[in-house]
Amino acid sequence: MGGLLSYGVDGRESYRRAATYVDRILKGAKRANLPIELPTKLQVLINLKTANALGLTIPPSLLVRADEVPSRTATGHKWPGSASNRVELF
């Protein structure tokens, strides 16, 4: 069944930021001089399959704000991050 709802750091964005740090270090920057960065993007994921199995109805206002709703498509689950499942927050 899986988790119902997740709110947290966007993993893809974290990997992009890490790659930027690695690039700076490989170009000679000192690690001690690099700033500490906090996540700038959080994401909301809603699993409609789990909600349905629990007999819950997710309000449309929450579905609209979700970044990803994997069970939203008629064909079933799609991998997180696929363009057809993404909804921008603002």
N, C-alpha and C. Protein backbone atom coordinates (compact mmCIF):
# COMPACT_ATOMS: atom_id res chain seq x y z
N MET A 1 0.84 -1.18 0.00
CA MET A 1 0.00 0.00 0.00
C MET A 1 0.88 1.24 0.00
N GLY A 2 1.82 1.39 0.91
CA GLY A 2 2.72 2.54 0.90
C GLY A 2 2.24 3.65 1.80
N GLY A 3 3.06 4.69 1.88
CA GLY A 3 2.75 5.85 2.71
C GLY A 3 1.65 6.69 2.11
N LEU A 4 0.95 7.41 2.96
CA LEU A 4 -0.16 8.26 2.50
C LEU A 4 0.32 9.62 2.04
N LEU A 5 1.17 10.26 2.83
CA LEU A 5 1.55 11.64 2.54
C LEU A 5 3.00 11.85 2.96
N SER A 6 3.71 12.63 2.20
CA SER A 6 5.09 12.97 2.54
C SER A 6 5.30 14.45 2.31
N TYR A 7 6.01 15.09 3.24
CA TYR A 7 6.36 16.50 3.11
C TYR A 7 7.82 16.62 3.50
N GLY A 8 8.65 17.02 2.58
CA GLY A 8 10.07 17.10 2.91
C GLY A 8 10.90 17.69 1.79
N VAL A 9 12.19 17.50 1.93
CA VAL A 9 13.16 18.06 0.99
C VAL A 9 13.04 17.37 -0.36
N ASP A 10 13.16 18.15 -1.42
CA ASP A 10 13.17 17.62 -2.78
C ASP A 10 14.54 16.99 -3.02
N GLY A 11 14.59 15.67 -3.10
CA GLY A 11 15.84 14.95 -3.25
C GLY A 11 16.60 15.32 -4.50
N ARG A 12 15.90 15.52 -5.60
CA ARG A 12 16.57 15.88 -6.85
C ARG A 12 17.29 17.22 -6.71
N GLU A 13 16.67 18.16 -6.04
CA GLU A 13 17.30 19.47 -5.83
C GLU A 13 18.53 19.34 -4.93
N SER A 14 18.47 18.47 -3.94
CA SER A 14 19.63 18.24 -3.07
C SER A 14 20.81 17.69 -3.85
N TYR A 15 20.54 16.76 -4.78
CA TYR A 15 21.61 16.21 -5.61
C TYR A 15 22.20 17.28 -6.51
N ARG A 16 21.37 18.15 -7.06
CA ARG A 16 21.87 19.24 -7.91
C ARG A 16 22.79 20.16 -7.11
N ARG A 17 22.37 20.49 -5.90
CA ARG A 17 23.18 21.38 -5.06
C ARG A 17 24.50 20.69 -4.69
N ALA A 18 24.46 19.41 -4.40
CA ALA A 18 25.68 18.67 -4.07
C ALA A 18 26.64 18.67 -5.26
N ALA A 19 26.10 18.51 -6.46
CA ALA A 19 26.94 18.54 -7.66
C ALA A 19 27.62 19.89 -7.82
N THR A 20 26.94 20.96 -7.47
CA THR A 20 27.52 22.30 -7.54
C THR A 20 28.69 22.42 -6.56
N TYR A 21 28.52 21.87 -5.37
CA TYR A 21 29.61 21.89 -4.38
C TYR A 21 30.81 21.09 -4.88
N VAL A 22 30.57 19.92 -5.42
CA VAL A 22 31.65 19.08 -5.94
C VAL A 22 32.38 19.83 -7.05
N ASP A 23 31.64 20.47 -7.92
CA ASP A 23 32.24 21.23 -9.01
C ASP A 23 33.15 22.33 -8.47
N ARG A 24 32.69 23.06 -7.47
CA ARG A 24 33.51 24.13 -6.89
C ARG A 24 34.78 23.57 -6.26
N ILE A 25 34.66 22.45 -5.55
CA ILE A 25 35.82 21.84 -4.90
C ILE A 25 36.82 21.35 -5.94
N LEU A 26 36.32 20.73 -7.00
CA LEU A 26 37.22 20.24 -8.06
C LEU A 26 37.92 21.38 -8.79
N LYS A 27 37.31 22.56 -8.77
CA LYS A 27 37.92 23.73 -9.40
C LYS A 27 38.84 24.48 -8.44
N GLY A 28 39.06 23.93 -7.23
CA GLY A 28 40.03 24.50 -6.32
C GLY A 28 39.50 25.26 -5.13
N ALA A 29 38.19 25.38 -4.98
CA ALA A 29 37.63 26.09 -3.83
C ALA A 29 37.91 25.29 -2.56
N LYS A 30 38.15 26.00 -1.49
CA LYS A 30 38.37 25.34 -0.20
C LYS A 30 37.01 25.05 0.43
N ARG A 31 36.87 23.85 0.93
CA ARG A 31 35.60 23.44 1.53
C ARG A 31 35.19 24.37 2.67
N ALA A 32 36.16 24.84 3.44
CA ALA A 32 35.87 25.71 4.57
C ALA A 32 35.28 27.05 4.13
N ASN A 33 35.52 27.44 2.89
CA ASN A 33 35.02 28.72 2.39
C ASN A 33 33.66 28.62 1.71
N LEU A 34 33.17 27.42 1.53
CA LEU A 34 31.86 27.24 0.88
C LEU A 34 30.75 27.47 1.90
N PRO A 35 29.71 28.19 1.50
CA PRO A 35 28.62 28.45 2.44
C PRO A 35 27.77 27.21 2.70
N ILE A 36 27.19 27.17 3.87
CA ILE A 36 26.23 26.11 4.19
C ILE A 36 24.89 26.55 3.64
N GLU A 37 24.26 25.69 2.89
CA GLU A 37 22.98 26.02 2.29
C GLU A 37 21.89 25.12 2.85
N LEU A 38 20.75 25.72 3.12
CA LEU A 38 19.58 24.96 3.55
C LEU A 38 18.71 24.68 2.34
N PRO A 39 17.88 23.65 2.40
CA PRO A 39 17.00 23.36 1.27
C PRO A 39 16.10 24.55 0.97
N THR A 40 15.92 24.81 -0.30
CA THR A 40 15.06 25.92 -0.71
C THR A 40 13.72 25.44 -1.25
N LYS A 41 13.63 24.15 -1.55
CA LYS A 41 12.38 23.62 -2.07
C LYS A 41 11.96 22.40 -1.27
N LEU A 42 10.75 22.44 -0.78
CA LEU A 42 10.15 21.28 -0.11
C LEU A 42 9.05 20.77 -1.03
N GLN A 43 8.74 19.51 -0.90
CA GLN A 43 7.70 18.95 -1.77
C GLN A 43 6.68 18.16 -0.97
N VAL A 44 5.47 18.12 -1.52
CA VAL A 44 4.37 17.36 -0.94
C VAL A 44 4.03 16.24 -1.91
N LEU A 45 4.00 15.01 -1.41
CA LEU A 45 3.60 13.86 -2.21
C LEU A 45 2.38 13.22 -1.57
N ILE A 46 1.39 12.89 -2.37
CA ILE A 46 0.16 12.27 -1.88
C ILE A 46 -0.05 10.97 -2.65
N ASN A 47 -0.31 9.89 -1.94
CA ASN A 47 -0.54 8.59 -2.54
C ASN A 47 -2.04 8.30 -2.51
N LEU A 48 -2.70 8.50 -3.66
CA LEU A 48 -4.16 8.30 -3.72
C LEU A 48 -4.55 6.83 -3.56
N LYS A 49 -3.68 5.92 -3.99
CA LYS A 49 -3.99 4.49 -3.83
C LYS A 49 -4.11 4.15 -2.35
N THR A 50 -3.20 4.67 -1.54
CA THR A 50 -3.25 4.43 -0.10
C THR A 50 -4.47 5.12 0.51
N ALA A 51 -4.75 6.34 0.07
CA ALA A 51 -5.92 7.07 0.58
C ALA A 51 -7.19 6.29 0.30
N ASN A 52 -7.32 5.77 -0.92
CA ASN A 52 -8.50 4.99 -1.28
C ASN A 52 -8.61 3.72 -0.44
N ALA A 53 -7.46 3.05 -0.23
CA ALA A 53 -7.46 1.82 0.57
C ALA A 53 -7.88 2.09 2.01
N LEU A 54 -7.58 3.28 2.52
CA LEU A 54 -7.96 3.66 3.89
C LEU A 54 -9.34 4.29 3.95
N GLY A 55 -9.99 4.45 2.79
CA GLY A 55 -11.32 5.05 2.75
C GLY A 55 -11.29 6.56 2.96
N LEU A 56 -10.17 7.20 2.65
CA LEU A 56 -10.04 8.64 2.83
C LEU A 56 -10.25 9.38 1.52
N THR A 57 -10.83 10.56 1.61
CA THR A 57 -10.98 11.44 0.46
C THR A 57 -10.06 12.63 0.68
N ILE A 58 -9.15 12.84 -0.26
CA ILE A 58 -8.22 13.96 -0.17
C ILE A 58 -8.90 15.17 -0.79
N PRO A 59 -9.00 16.29 -0.06
CA PRO A 59 -9.65 17.48 -0.60
C PRO A 59 -8.94 17.99 -1.86
N PRO A 60 -9.70 18.44 -2.85
CA PRO A 60 -9.09 18.97 -4.08
C PRO A 60 -8.11 20.11 -3.81
N SER A 61 -8.36 20.90 -2.78
CA SER A 61 -7.45 22.00 -2.47
C SER A 61 -6.06 21.49 -2.08
N LEU A 62 -5.98 20.31 -1.47
CA LEU A 62 -4.70 19.72 -1.12
C LEU A 62 -4.06 19.05 -2.34
N LEU A 63 -4.87 18.41 -3.17
CA LEU A 63 -4.34 17.78 -4.37
C LEU A 63 -3.71 18.80 -5.32
N VAL A 64 -4.32 19.97 -5.41
CA VAL A 64 -3.79 21.02 -6.28
C VAL A 64 -2.43 21.50 -5.81
N ARG A 65 -2.21 21.52 -4.51
CA ARG A 65 -0.94 22.00 -3.95
C ARG A 65 0.16 20.95 -3.96
N ALA A 66 -0.20 19.69 -4.19
CA ALA A 66 0.79 18.60 -4.16
C ALA A 66 1.76 18.71 -5.33
N ASP A 67 3.02 18.40 -5.07
CA ASP A 67 4.03 18.35 -6.12
C ASP A 67 3.88 17.08 -6.95
N GLU A 68 3.55 15.99 -6.29
CA GLU A 68 3.41 14.72 -6.99
C GLU A 68 2.24 13.93 -6.40
N VAL A 69 1.45 13.35 -7.31
CA VAL A 69 0.35 12.46 -6.93
C VAL A 69 0.46 11.26 -7.87
N PRO A 70 1.29 10.26 -7.51
CA PRO A 70 1.57 9.15 -8.42
C PRO A 70 0.35 8.41 -8.94
N SER A 71 -0.71 8.28 -8.16
CA SER A 71 -1.87 7.51 -8.59
C SER A 71 -2.89 8.35 -9.34
N ARG A 72 -2.54 9.56 -9.72
CA ARG A 72 -3.47 10.46 -10.38
C ARG A 72 -3.82 10.01 -11.79
N THR A 73 -2.93 9.30 -12.47
CA THR A 73 -3.16 8.93 -13.86
C THR A 73 -4.03 7.68 -13.95
N ALA A 74 -4.76 7.56 -15.04
CA ALA A 74 -5.66 6.42 -15.24
C ALA A 74 -4.87 5.13 -15.47
N THR A 75 -3.63 5.25 -15.94
CA THR A 75 -2.85 4.05 -16.25
C THR A 75 -2.13 3.51 -15.02
N GLY A 76 -2.27 4.15 -13.88
CA GLY A 76 -1.63 3.64 -12.67
C GLY A 76 -0.41 4.44 -12.28
N HIS A 77 0.47 3.81 -11.52
CA HIS A 77 1.62 4.49 -10.96
C HIS A 77 2.62 4.90 -12.03
N LYS A 78 3.14 6.12 -11.89
CA LYS A 78 4.26 6.57 -12.71
C LYS A 78 5.37 6.95 -11.77
N TRP A 79 6.59 6.90 -12.25
CA TRP A 79 7.72 7.24 -11.41
C TRP A 79 7.64 8.68 -10.96
N PRO A 80 7.99 8.96 -9.70
CA PRO A 80 8.02 10.34 -9.20
C PRO A 80 8.90 11.21 -10.09
N GLY A 81 8.41 12.41 -10.34
CA GLY A 81 9.19 13.34 -11.13
C GLY A 81 8.83 13.33 -12.60
N SER A 82 7.99 12.37 -13.03
CA SER A 82 7.61 12.39 -14.44
C SER A 82 6.75 13.60 -14.70
N ALA A 83 6.90 14.19 -15.84
CA ALA A 83 6.27 15.48 -16.14
C ALA A 83 4.75 15.45 -15.98
N SER A 84 4.11 14.34 -16.30
CA SER A 84 2.65 14.28 -16.24
C SER A 84 2.12 14.28 -14.82
N ASN A 85 2.97 13.99 -13.82
CA ASN A 85 2.51 13.96 -12.44
C ASN A 85 2.91 15.20 -11.65
N ARG A 86 3.68 16.11 -12.23
CA ARG A 86 4.21 17.24 -11.50
C ARG A 86 3.22 18.40 -11.53
N VAL A 87 3.07 19.01 -10.38
CA VAL A 87 2.24 20.20 -10.24
C VAL A 87 3.08 21.21 -9.46
N GLU A 88 3.31 22.38 -10.01
CA GLU A 88 4.11 23.38 -9.31
C GLU A 88 3.28 23.99 -8.19
N LEU A 89 3.93 24.26 -7.05
CA LEU A 89 3.24 24.81 -5.90
C LEU A 89 2.76 26.24 -6.15
N PHE A 90 3.59 27.08 -6.70
CA PHE A 90 3.19 28.49 -6.88
C PHE A 90 3.49 28.98 -8.25
